[in-house]
Amino acid sequence: MKLGVNIDHIATLRNARGGVEPSIVEAAKIALSEDILALTMHLREDRRHIKDDDLYNVKKLGAKINLEMACTKEIQEIALDLVPYSVCLVPERRQEVTTEGGLDVSSQKEFIKEYIKPFKQKGILVSLFIDADIEQIEAASYVGADYIELHTGSFANAFLKGDYKTEFDKLKTGAKHAQSLGLKVNAGHGLNYENVYLMHEIDGLCELNIGHSIISRAVFDGLKTAIAEMLKLVK
């Protein structure tokens, strides 16, 4: 498995004061000094953390960017101009604190199938952030996604309560079914230093995208140390 580091909350902290510190570029440089696959950055419609300039400044470092984004025309145009390594389509609601639940692909299959065509034409990998639901997985295959990213939030919440088998089994079953359809499988949301070891029990996972837990640990231990520790657990 590879590690993708989400640096959104470096920008959250910066935006709390409206200044330039802490620097997204410096955070990206530290992350890129480790053996990670990509930097995940979510350009939300309301720009609550990552700003447009952040994407381009990080891209100048030669970074592989996994751009999380809602299925809107505005963000699509930015993504096509940026040409990130990959895009991950996620649901987005203005009132949510963080992404809650997976994208409903099955109810908008034709729209998403057309929406992702320009990305594929530019050689941008397409991932869909979905729940481990058979209907959603089959819809992801139908629209032509390269990857799915399994939403691990329900598993993470169950892990905290000490009874996670049901949610974990859903992830394992979902991953296996997705792979049988030719989809590559990533996972993310709520993964931390306590529960990430279980991801090794899900056969064939390509990448884990982790942000909040790493940034939280970095407050106390420093970003380089926090990433290195998570990388060791993922490997």
C-alpha atoms as a PDB file:
ATOM      1  CA  MET A   1       0.000   0.000   0.000  1.00  0.00           C
ATOM      2  CA  LYS A   2       0.977   3.575  -0.638  1.00  0.00           C
ATOM      3  CA  LEU A   3       0.196   6.626   1.489  1.00  0.00           C
ATOM      4  CA  GLY A   4      -1.484   9.771   0.226  1.00  0.00           C
ATOM      5  CA  VAL A   5      -1.212  12.696   2.650  1.00  0.00           C
ATOM      6  CA  ASN A   6      -4.084  15.146   2.873  1.00  0.00           C
ATOM      7  CA  ILE A   7      -2.797  18.637   3.734  1.00  0.00           C
ATOM      8  CA  ASP A   8      -6.148  20.452   3.791  1.00  0.00           C
ATOM      9  CA  HIS A   9      -5.970  21.218   7.481  1.00  0.00           C
ATOM     10  CA  ILE A  10      -2.677  23.029   7.186  1.00  0.00           C
ATOM     11  CA  ALA A  11      -4.760  25.467   5.144  1.00  0.00           C
ATOM     12  CA  THR A  12      -7.554  25.384   7.740  1.00  0.00           C
ATOM     13  CA  LEU A  13      -5.103  26.587  10.369  1.00  0.00           C
ATOM     14  CA  ARG A  14      -3.686  29.248   8.036  1.00  0.00           C
ATOM     15  CA  ASN A  15      -7.133  30.530   7.151  1.00  0.00           C
ATOM     16  CA  ALA A  16      -8.094  30.862  10.813  1.00  0.00           C
ATOM     17  CA  ARG A  17      -5.914  33.992  10.894  1.00  0.00           C
ATOM     18  CA  GLY A  18      -6.212  34.887   7.232  1.00  0.00           C
ATOM     19  CA  GLY A  19      -2.448  35.171   6.806  1.00  0.00           C
ATOM     20  CA  VAL A  20       0.222  33.028   5.191  1.00  0.00           C
ATOM     21  CA  GLU A  21       1.242  30.784   8.089  1.00  0.00           C
ATOM     22  CA  PRO A  22       1.494  27.849   8.249  1.00  0.00           C
ATOM     23  CA  SER A  23       2.643  27.545   4.653  1.00  0.00           C
ATOM     24  CA  ILE A  24       0.977  24.954   2.429  1.00  0.00           C
ATOM     25  CA  VAL A  25       4.091  24.879   0.243  1.00  0.00           C
ATOM     26  CA  GLU A  26       6.385  24.165   3.197  1.00  0.00           C
ATOM     27  CA  ALA A  27       4.014  21.440   4.387  1.00  0.00           C
ATOM     28  CA  ALA A  28       4.036  19.943   0.905  1.00  0.00           C
ATOM     29  CA  LYS A  29       7.840  19.986   0.800  1.00  0.00           C
ATOM     30  CA  ILE A  30       8.043  18.127   4.097  1.00  0.00           C
ATOM     31  CA  ALA A  31       5.493  15.555   2.969  1.00  0.00           C
ATOM     32  CA  LEU A  32       7.249  15.069  -0.353  1.00  0.00           C
ATOM     33  CA  SER A  33      10.537  14.371   1.419  1.00  0.00           C
ATOM     34  CA  GLU A  34       8.947  11.110   2.560  1.00  0.00           C
ATOM     35  CA  ASP A  35       8.114   8.120   0.339  1.00  0.00           C
ATOM     36  CA  ILE A  36       4.472   9.040  -0.215  1.00  0.00           C
ATOM     37  CA  LEU A  37       2.453   8.534  -3.387  1.00  0.00           C
ATOM     38  CA  ALA A  38       0.606  11.839  -3.617  1.00  0.00           C
ATOM     39  CA  LEU A  39      -0.688  14.911  -1.829  1.00  0.00           C
ATOM     40  CA  THR A  40      -4.450  15.018  -1.428  1.00  0.00           C
ATOM     41  CA  MET A  41      -6.027  18.474  -1.600  1.00  0.00           C
ATOM     42  CA  HIS A  42      -9.774  19.160  -1.544  1.00  0.00           C
ATOM     43  CA  LEU A  43     -10.767  22.320  -3.394  1.00  0.00           C
ATOM     44  CA  ARG A  44     -14.164  22.939  -1.886  1.00  0.00           C
ATOM     45  CA  GLU A  45     -16.712  25.192  -3.509  1.00  0.00           C
ATOM     46  CA  ASP A  46     -16.583  27.554  -0.512  1.00  0.00           C
ATOM     47  CA  ARG A  47     -12.737  27.449  -0.371  1.00  0.00           C
ATOM     48  CA  ARG A  48     -12.851  26.880   3.372  1.00  0.00           C
ATOM     49  CA  HIS A  49      -9.288  25.538   3.405  1.00  0.00           C
ATOM     50  CA  ILE A  50      -7.436  24.914   0.121  1.00  0.00           C
ATOM     51  CA  LYS A  51      -7.409  27.927  -2.223  1.00  0.00           C
ATOM     52  CA  ASP A  52      -6.890  27.859  -5.979  1.00  0.00           C
ATOM     53  CA  ASP A  53      -3.351  29.258  -5.684  1.00  0.00           C
ATOM     54  CA  ASP A  54      -2.420  26.502  -3.238  1.00  0.00           C
ATOM     55  CA  LEU A  55      -2.969  23.905  -5.946  1.00  0.00           C
ATOM     56  CA  TYR A  56      -0.786  25.639  -8.493  1.00  0.00           C
ATOM     57  CA  ASN A  57       1.964  26.449  -5.975  1.00  0.00           C
ATOM     58  CA  VAL A  58       2.143  22.819  -4.855  1.00  0.00           C
ATOM     59  CA  LYS A  59       2.039  21.599  -8.464  1.00  0.00           C
ATOM     60  CA  LYS A  60       5.153  23.715  -9.148  1.00  0.00           C
ATOM     61  CA  LEU A  61       7.012  21.498  -6.677  1.00  0.00           C
ATOM     62  CA  GLY A  62       6.498  18.588  -9.051  1.00  0.00           C
ATOM     63  CA  ALA A  63       4.024  17.007  -6.656  1.00  0.00           C
ATOM     64  CA  LYS A  64       1.500  14.397  -7.631  1.00  0.00           C
ATOM     65  CA  ILE A  65      -1.798  15.947  -6.568  1.00  0.00           C
ATOM     66  CA  ASN A  66      -4.887  13.906  -5.825  1.00  0.00           C
ATOM     67  CA  LEU A  67      -7.570  16.568  -6.207  1.00  0.00           C
ATOM     68  CA  GLU A  68     -10.713  15.917  -4.208  1.00  0.00           C
ATOM     69  CA  MET A  69     -13.617  17.765  -5.764  1.00  0.00           C
ATOM     70  CA  ALA A  70     -17.374  18.043  -6.130  1.00  0.00           C
ATOM     71  CA  CYS A  71     -18.955  17.387  -9.520  1.00  0.00           C
ATOM     72  CA  THR A  72     -19.357  21.026 -10.549  1.00  0.00           C
ATOM     73  CA  LYS A  73     -18.485  22.804 -13.771  1.00  0.00           C
ATOM     74  CA  GLU A  74     -16.314  25.398 -12.008  1.00  0.00           C
ATOM     75  CA  ILE A  75     -14.105  22.866 -10.236  1.00  0.00           C
ATOM     76  CA  GLN A  76     -13.951  20.708 -13.347  1.00  0.00           C
ATOM     77  CA  GLU A  77     -12.507  23.613 -15.334  1.00  0.00           C
ATOM     78  CA  ILE A  78      -9.866  24.250 -12.664  1.00  0.00           C
ATOM     79  CA  ALA A  79      -8.941  20.562 -12.570  1.00  0.00           C
ATOM     80  CA  LEU A  80      -8.564  20.400 -16.344  1.00  0.00           C
ATOM     81  CA  ASP A  81      -6.281  23.424 -16.254  1.00  0.00           C
ATOM     82  CA  LEU A  82      -4.244  22.098 -13.304  1.00  0.00           C
ATOM     83  CA  VAL A  83      -3.993  18.530 -14.664  1.00  0.00           C
ATOM     84  CA  PRO A  84      -3.437  16.760 -11.340  1.00  0.00           C
ATOM     85  CA  TYR A  85      -2.231  13.184 -11.049  1.00  0.00           C
ATOM     86  CA  SER A  86      -5.757  12.139 -10.134  1.00  0.00           C
ATOM     87  CA  VAL A  87      -9.163  13.495  -9.212  1.00  0.00           C
ATOM     88  CA  CYS A  88     -11.385  11.984  -6.555  1.00  0.00           C
ATOM     89  CA  LEU A  89     -15.041  12.927  -6.886  1.00  0.00           C
ATOM     90  CA  VAL A  90     -16.717  13.398  -3.515  1.00  0.00           C
ATOM     91  CA  PRO A  91     -20.117  14.558  -2.273  1.00  0.00           C
ATOM     92  CA  GLU A  92     -20.065  18.055  -0.867  1.00  0.00           C
ATOM     93  CA  ARG A  93     -22.526  19.869   1.364  1.00  0.00           C
ATOM     94  CA  ARG A  94     -21.842  23.388   2.596  1.00  0.00           C
ATOM     95  CA  GLN A  95     -23.018  22.715   6.163  1.00  0.00           C
ATOM     96  CA  GLU A  96     -20.856  19.645   6.778  1.00  0.00           C
ATOM     97  CA  VAL A  97     -17.673  19.866   8.843  1.00  0.00           C
ATOM     98  CA  THR A  98     -15.981  17.181   6.743  1.00  0.00           C
ATOM     99  CA  THR A  99     -17.120  14.863   3.953  1.00  0.00           C
ATOM    100  CA  GLU A 100     -19.967  12.755   5.301  1.00  0.00           C
ATOM    101  CA  GLY A 101     -20.627   9.507   3.464  1.00  0.00           C
ATOM    102  CA  GLY A 102     -19.822   8.433  -0.051  1.00  0.00           C
ATOM    103  CA  LEU A 103     -20.865   9.816  -3.408  1.00  0.00           C
ATOM    104  CA  ASP A 104     -24.193   8.515  -4.733  1.00  0.00           C
ATOM    105  CA  VAL A 105     -23.015   7.327  -8.126  1.00  0.00           C
ATOM    106  CA  SER A 106     -25.905   4.976  -8.915  1.00  0.00           C
ATOM    107  CA  SER A 107     -28.520   7.753  -9.035  1.00  0.00           C
ATOM    108  CA  GLN A 108     -26.475   9.896 -11.432  1.00  0.00           C
ATOM    109  CA  LYS A 109     -24.586   7.354 -13.535  1.00  0.00           C
ATOM    110  CA  GLU A 110     -25.086   9.040 -16.892  1.00  0.00           C
ATOM    111  CA  PHE A 111     -24.108  12.468 -15.577  1.00  0.00           C
ATOM    112  CA  ILE A 112     -20.914  11.186 -13.934  1.00  0.00           C
ATOM    113  CA  LYS A 113     -20.033   9.080 -16.967  1.00  0.00           C
ATOM    114  CA  GLU A 114     -20.049  12.235 -19.111  1.00  0.00           C
ATOM    115  CA  TYR A 115     -18.500  14.415 -16.391  1.00  0.00           C
ATOM    116  CA  ILE A 116     -15.331  12.321 -16.121  1.00  0.00           C
ATOM    117  CA  LYS A 117     -14.685  11.971 -19.864  1.00  0.00           C
ATOM    118  CA  PRO A 118     -12.570  15.168 -20.125  1.00  0.00           C
ATOM    119  CA  PHE A 119     -10.356  13.960 -17.274  1.00  0.00           C
ATOM    120  CA  LYS A 120      -9.738  10.628 -18.938  1.00  0.00           C
ATOM    121  CA  GLN A 121      -8.974  12.365 -22.221  1.00  0.00           C
ATOM    122  CA  LYS A 122      -6.222  14.297 -20.430  1.00  0.00           C
ATOM    123  CA  GLY A 123      -4.800  11.196 -18.787  1.00  0.00           C
ATOM    124  CA  ILE A 124      -6.008  12.157 -15.305  1.00  0.00           C
ATOM    125  CA  LEU A 125      -6.863   9.145 -13.162  1.00  0.00           C
ATOM    126  CA  VAL A 126     -10.454   9.193 -11.871  1.00  0.00           C
ATOM    127  CA  SER A 127     -11.453   7.928  -8.442  1.00  0.00           C
ATOM    128  CA  LEU A 128     -14.904   7.955  -6.846  1.00  0.00           C
ATOM    129  CA  PHE A 129     -15.266   8.259  -3.072  1.00  0.00           C
ATOM    130  CA  ILE A 130     -18.045   5.799  -2.247  1.00  0.00           C
ATOM    131  CA  ASP A 131     -19.428   3.642   0.513  1.00  0.00           C
ATOM    132  CA  ALA A 132     -18.716  -0.087   0.401  1.00  0.00           C
ATOM    133  CA  ASP A 133     -22.083  -0.720  -1.229  1.00  0.00           C
ATOM    134  CA  ILE A 134     -22.416  -3.193  -4.101  1.00  0.00           C
ATOM    135  CA  GLU A 135     -24.802  -0.968  -6.069  1.00  0.00           C
ATOM    136  CA  GLN A 136     -22.435   2.015  -5.815  1.00  0.00           C
ATOM    137  CA  ILE A 137     -19.405  -0.104  -6.717  1.00  0.00           C
ATOM    138  CA  GLU A 138     -21.121  -1.461  -9.814  1.00  0.00           C
ATOM    139  CA  ALA A 139     -22.155   2.057 -10.794  1.00  0.00           C
ATOM    140  CA  ALA A 140     -18.528   3.188 -10.437  1.00  0.00           C
ATOM    141  CA  SER A 141     -17.508   0.442 -12.830  1.00  0.00           C
ATOM    142  CA  TYR A 142     -20.252   1.402 -15.274  1.00  0.00           C
ATOM    143  CA  VAL A 143     -19.204   5.074 -15.502  1.00  0.00           C
ATOM    144  CA  GLY A 144     -15.594   4.120 -16.225  1.00  0.00           C
ATOM    145  CA  ALA A 145     -13.763   5.133 -13.060  1.00  0.00           C
ATOM    146  CA  ASP A 146     -10.182   3.921 -12.654  1.00  0.00           C
ATOM    147  CA  TYR A 147     -10.379   3.700  -8.874  1.00  0.00           C
ATOM    148  CA  ILE A 148     -12.834   3.790  -6.058  1.00  0.00           C
ATOM    149  CA  GLU A 149     -11.895   5.127  -2.651  1.00  0.00           C
ATOM    150  CA  LEU A 150     -13.810   3.248   0.003  1.00  0.00           C
ATOM    151  CA  HIS A 151     -15.256   5.539   2.653  1.00  0.00           C
ATOM    152  CA  THR A 152     -13.888   4.177   5.925  1.00  0.00           C
ATOM    153  CA  GLY A 153     -15.673   6.632   8.220  1.00  0.00           C
ATOM    154  CA  SER A 154     -18.305   4.181   9.476  1.00  0.00           C
ATOM    155  CA  PHE A 155     -15.586   1.621  10.181  1.00  0.00           C
ATOM    156  CA  ALA A 156     -13.532   4.233  12.073  1.00  0.00           C
ATOM    157  CA  ASN A 157     -16.514   5.246  14.192  1.00  0.00           C
ATOM    158  CA  ALA A 158     -17.298   1.612  14.944  1.00  0.00           C
ATOM    159  CA  PHE A 159     -13.654   0.984  15.842  1.00  0.00           C
ATOM    160  CA  LEU A 160     -13.879   3.659  18.532  1.00  0.00           C
ATOM    161  CA  LYS A 161     -16.807   1.778  20.051  1.00  0.00           C
ATOM    162  CA  GLY A 162     -14.925  -1.530  19.940  1.00  0.00           C
ATOM    163  CA  ASP A 163     -17.403  -3.323  17.667  1.00  0.00           C
ATOM    164  CA  TYR A 164     -16.227  -2.837  14.105  1.00  0.00           C
ATOM    165  CA  LYS A 165     -16.507  -6.313  12.533  1.00  0.00           C
ATOM    166  CA  THR A 166     -19.683  -5.597  10.564  1.00  0.00           C
ATOM    167  CA  GLU A 167     -18.331  -2.389   9.035  1.00  0.00           C
ATOM    168  CA  PHE A 168     -14.934  -3.945   8.408  1.00  0.00           C
ATOM    169  CA  ASP A 169     -16.469  -6.939   6.642  1.00  0.00           C
ATOM    170  CA  LYS A 170     -18.352  -4.531   4.361  1.00  0.00           C
ATOM    171  CA  LEU A 171     -15.037  -2.961   3.352  1.00  0.00           C
ATOM    172  CA  LYS A 172     -13.454  -6.332   2.621  1.00  0.00           C
ATOM    173  CA  THR A 173     -16.453  -7.512   0.607  1.00  0.00           C
ATOM    174  CA  GLY A 174     -16.660  -4.217  -1.269  1.00  0.00           C
ATOM    175  CA  ALA A 175     -12.981  -4.210  -2.147  1.00  0.00           C
ATOM    176  CA  LYS A 176     -13.130  -7.769  -3.441  1.00  0.00           C
ATOM    177  CA  HIS A 177     -16.176  -7.047  -5.604  1.00  0.00           C
ATOM    178  CA  ALA A 178     -14.643  -3.848  -6.999  1.00  0.00           C
ATOM    179  CA  GLN A 179     -11.464  -5.689  -7.947  1.00  0.00           C
ATOM    180  CA  SER A 180     -13.501  -8.395  -9.685  1.00  0.00           C
ATOM    181  CA  LEU A 181     -14.908  -5.608 -11.890  1.00  0.00           C
ATOM    182  CA  GLY A 182     -11.443  -4.323 -12.751  1.00  0.00           C
ATOM    183  CA  LEU A 183     -11.496  -1.335 -10.408  1.00  0.00           C
ATOM    184  CA  LYS A 184      -8.483  -0.423  -8.305  1.00  0.00           C
ATOM    185  CA  VAL A 185      -9.276   0.277  -4.675  1.00  0.00           C
ATOM    186  CA  ASN A 186      -8.106   2.974  -2.279  1.00  0.00           C
ATOM    187  CA  ALA A 187      -9.501   3.806   1.153  1.00  0.00           C
ATOM    188  CA  GLY A 188      -9.745   6.776   3.446  1.00  0.00           C
ATOM    189  CA  HIS A 189     -11.617   8.860   6.031  1.00  0.00           C
ATOM    190  CA  GLY A 190     -11.173   8.510   9.773  1.00  0.00           C
ATOM    191  CA  LEU A 191      -8.097   6.290   9.509  1.00  0.00           C
ATOM    192  CA  ASN A 192      -5.608   6.916  12.294  1.00  0.00           C
ATOM    193  CA  TYR A 193      -2.590   5.521  14.110  1.00  0.00           C
ATOM    194  CA  GLU A 194      -4.749   3.077  16.066  1.00  0.00           C
ATOM    195  CA  ASN A 195      -6.924   1.539  13.341  1.00  0.00           C
ATOM    196  CA  VAL A 196      -4.849   1.750  10.145  1.00  0.00           C
ATOM    197  CA  TYR A 197      -3.136  -1.610  10.731  1.00  0.00           C
ATOM    198  CA  LEU A 198      -6.401  -3.376   9.893  1.00  0.00           C
ATOM    199  CA  MET A 199      -6.254  -2.106   6.327  1.00  0.00           C
ATOM    200  CA  HIS A 200      -3.577  -4.742   5.674  1.00  0.00           C
ATOM    201  CA  GLU A 201      -6.340  -7.353   6.011  1.00  0.00           C
ATOM    202  CA  ILE A 202      -8.122  -5.949   2.941  1.00  0.00           C
ATOM    203  CA  ASP A 203      -6.481  -7.626  -0.037  1.00  0.00           C
ATOM    204  CA  GLY A 204      -5.242  -5.451  -2.866  1.00  0.00           C
ATOM    205  CA  LEU A 205      -5.660  -1.969  -1.417  1.00  0.00           C
ATOM    206  CA  CYS A 206      -3.528   0.451  -3.439  1.00  0.00           C
ATOM    207  CA  GLU A 207      -3.511   3.627  -1.389  1.00  0.00           C
ATOM    208  CA  LEU A 208      -4.685   5.063   1.907  1.00  0.00           C
ATOM    209  CA  ASN A 209      -5.482   8.773   1.994  1.00  0.00           C
ATOM    210  CA  ILE A 210      -4.975  10.133   5.488  1.00  0.00           C
ATOM    211  CA  GLY A 211      -4.906  13.723   6.666  1.00  0.00           C
ATOM    212  CA  HIS A 212      -6.568  14.780   9.897  1.00  0.00           C
ATOM    213  CA  SER A 213      -4.854  12.189  12.059  1.00  0.00           C
ATOM    214  CA  ILE A 214      -1.415  13.059  10.661  1.00  0.00           C
ATOM    215  CA  ILE A 215      -1.900  16.808  11.072  1.00  0.00           C
ATOM    216  CA  SER A 216      -3.212  16.269  14.614  1.00  0.00           C
ATOM    217  CA  ARG A 217      -0.135  14.210  15.514  1.00  0.00           C
ATOM    218  CA  ALA A 218       2.099  16.800  13.856  1.00  0.00           C
ATOM    219  CA  VAL A 219       0.886  19.485  16.271  1.00  0.00           C
ATOM    220  CA  PHE A 220       2.792  17.622  18.967  1.00  0.00           C
ATOM    221  CA  ASP A 221       5.493  15.685  17.122  1.00  0.00           C
ATOM    222  CA  GLY A 222       6.171  17.687  13.954  1.00  0.00           C
ATOM    223  CA  LEU A 223       4.931  16.952  10.444  1.00  0.00           C
ATOM    224  CA  LYS A 224       7.948  14.962   9.236  1.00  0.00           C
ATOM    225  CA  THR A 225       7.824  12.656  12.251  1.00  0.00           C
ATOM    226  CA  ALA A 226       4.064  12.231  11.986  1.00  0.00           C
ATOM    227  CA  ILE A 227       4.214  11.281   8.290  1.00  0.00           C
ATOM    228  CA  ALA A 228       7.163   8.932   8.800  1.00  0.00           C
ATOM    229  CA  GLU A 229       5.329   7.108  11.590  1.00  0.00           C
ATOM    230  CA  MET A 230       2.150   6.719   9.530  1.00  0.00           C
ATOM    231  CA  LEU A 231       4.162   5.629   6.490  1.00  0.00           C
ATOM    232  CA  LYS A 232       5.780   2.867   8.554  1.00  0.00           C
ATOM    233  CA  LEU A 233       2.341   1.628   9.637  1.00  0.00           C
ATOM    234  CA  VAL A 234       0.943   1.725   6.095  1.00  0.00           C
ATOM    235  CA  LYS A 235       3.933  -0.163   4.675  1.00  0.00           C
END
